[in-house]
Amino acid sequence: MAKRFKATRRVNLALTEDGWRRVKKFASEAGLDEGEAISFIFENFSSVMNEDNLTHRLRLFNAELEDRKR
């Protein structure tokens, strides 16, 4: 039996425009709304992420973060 989808947490979330566009695109392609898409990604994080790519991308993101905040 499938688990019932019940959103139990509301999170004030800030995303870049690029990040929000990507969430919306993924949600649309998957037939989900944006909240469902974000829940899916985090509920299945370890199986949808490539650990090597994640580490590399995170390092790049952190290196550029201060410049992007300006």
C-alpha atoms as a PDB file:
ATOM      1  CA  MET A   1       0.000   0.000   0.000  1.00  0.00           C
ATOM      2  CA  ALA A   2       1.338   3.428  -0.938  1.00  0.00           C
ATOM      3  CA  LYS A   3       2.171   5.950   1.745  1.00  0.00           C
ATOM      4  CA  ARG A   4      -0.297   8.812   1.946  1.00  0.00           C
ATOM      5  CA  PHE A   5       1.248  12.122   0.913  1.00  0.00           C
ATOM      6  CA  LYS A   6       0.778  14.500   3.804  1.00  0.00           C
ATOM      7  CA  ALA A   7       2.830  17.678   4.003  1.00  0.00           C
ATOM      8  CA  THR A   8       3.555  18.095   7.701  1.00  0.00           C
ATOM      9  CA  ARG A   9       6.169  20.838   7.531  1.00  0.00           C
ATOM     10  CA  ARG A  10       6.077  24.279   6.025  1.00  0.00           C
ATOM     11  CA  VAL A  11       9.476  25.756   5.299  1.00  0.00           C
ATOM     12  CA  ASN A  12      10.290  29.316   4.329  1.00  0.00           C
ATOM     13  CA  LEU A  13      12.631  28.577   1.443  1.00  0.00           C
ATOM     14  CA  ALA A  14      14.800  30.956  -0.571  1.00  0.00           C
ATOM     15  CA  LEU A  15      15.978  29.865  -4.018  1.00  0.00           C
ATOM     16  CA  THR A  16      17.899  31.535  -6.788  1.00  0.00           C
ATOM     17  CA  GLU A  17      15.948  32.215  -9.987  1.00  0.00           C
ATOM     18  CA  ASP A  18      17.888  29.424 -11.704  1.00  0.00           C
ATOM     19  CA  GLY A  19      17.090  27.026  -8.861  1.00  0.00           C
ATOM     20  CA  TRP A  20      13.376  27.887  -8.913  1.00  0.00           C
ATOM     21  CA  ARG A  21      13.176  27.485 -12.697  1.00  0.00           C
ATOM     22  CA  ARG A  22      14.788  24.048 -12.368  1.00  0.00           C
ATOM     23  CA  VAL A  23      12.350  22.991  -9.626  1.00  0.00           C
ATOM     24  CA  LYS A  24       9.418  24.141 -11.765  1.00  0.00           C
ATOM     25  CA  LYS A  25      10.759  22.319 -14.841  1.00  0.00           C
ATOM     26  CA  PHE A  26      11.338  19.092 -12.895  1.00  0.00           C
ATOM     27  CA  ALA A  27       7.888  19.312 -11.289  1.00  0.00           C
ATOM     28  CA  SER A  28       6.208  19.870 -14.638  1.00  0.00           C
ATOM     29  CA  GLU A  29       8.042  16.966 -16.275  1.00  0.00           C
ATOM     30  CA  ALA A  30       7.194  14.683 -13.343  1.00  0.00           C
ATOM     31  CA  GLY A  31       3.538  15.746 -13.126  1.00  0.00           C
ATOM     32  CA  LEU A  32       3.981  17.175  -9.625  1.00  0.00           C
ATOM     33  CA  ASP A  33       3.537  20.570  -8.030  1.00  0.00           C
ATOM     34  CA  GLU A  34       6.645  22.314  -6.774  1.00  0.00           C
ATOM     35  CA  GLY A  35       6.202  21.245  -3.132  1.00  0.00           C
ATOM     36  CA  GLU A  36       5.701  17.612  -4.118  1.00  0.00           C
ATOM     37  CA  ALA A  37       8.798  17.761  -6.337  1.00  0.00           C
ATOM     38  CA  ILE A  38      10.963  19.146  -3.528  1.00  0.00           C
ATOM     39  CA  SER A  39       9.595  16.497  -1.128  1.00  0.00           C
ATOM     40  CA  PHE A  40      10.364  13.756  -3.664  1.00  0.00           C
ATOM     41  CA  ILE A  41      13.937  14.948  -4.113  1.00  0.00           C
ATOM     42  CA  PHE A  42      14.663  15.045  -0.383  1.00  0.00           C
ATOM     43  CA  GLU A  43      12.799  11.830   0.494  1.00  0.00           C
ATOM     44  CA  ASN A  44      14.865  10.024  -2.150  1.00  0.00           C
ATOM     45  CA  PHE A  45      18.037  12.089  -1.852  1.00  0.00           C
ATOM     46  CA  SER A  46      20.581   9.273  -1.618  1.00  0.00           C
ATOM     47  CA  SER A  47      19.144   7.390  -4.579  1.00  0.00           C
ATOM     48  CA  VAL A  48      18.731  10.373  -6.936  1.00  0.00           C
ATOM     49  CA  MET A  49      22.103  11.997  -6.242  1.00  0.00           C
ATOM     50  CA  ASN A  50      25.486  10.895  -7.510  1.00  0.00           C
ATOM     51  CA  GLU A  51      27.762  11.369  -4.519  1.00  0.00           C
ATOM     52  CA  ASP A  52      30.857  12.209  -6.574  1.00  0.00           C
ATOM     53  CA  ASN A  53      29.014  14.794  -8.662  1.00  0.00           C
ATOM     54  CA  LEU A  54      27.310  16.232  -5.585  1.00  0.00           C
ATOM     55  CA  THR A  55      30.620  16.747  -3.781  1.00  0.00           C
ATOM     56  CA  HIS A  56      32.164  18.424  -6.819  1.00  0.00           C
ATOM     57  CA  ARG A  57      29.132  20.668  -7.474  1.00  0.00           C
ATOM     58  CA  LEU A  58      28.894  21.631  -3.810  1.00  0.00           C
ATOM     59  CA  ARG A  59      32.561  22.635  -3.781  1.00  0.00           C
ATOM     60  CA  LEU A  60      32.005  24.844  -6.875  1.00  0.00           C
ATOM     61  CA  PHE A  61      28.830  26.367  -5.433  1.00  0.00           C
ATOM     62  CA  ASN A  62      30.530  27.219  -2.133  1.00  0.00           C
ATOM     63  CA  ALA A  63      33.490  28.767  -3.957  1.00  0.00           C
ATOM     64  CA  GLU A  64      31.165  31.126  -5.870  1.00  0.00           C
ATOM     65  CA  LEU A  65      28.651  31.783  -3.093  1.00  0.00           C
ATOM     66  CA  GLU A  66      30.008  35.051  -1.698  1.00  0.00           C
ATOM     67  CA  ASP A  67      30.284  36.586  -5.171  1.00  0.00           C
ATOM     68  CA  ARG A  68      26.749  35.481  -6.018  1.00  0.00           C
ATOM     69  CA  LYS A  69      25.371  37.162  -2.895  1.00  0.00           C
ATOM     70  CA  ARG A  70      26.507  40.587  -4.087  1.00  0.00           C
END
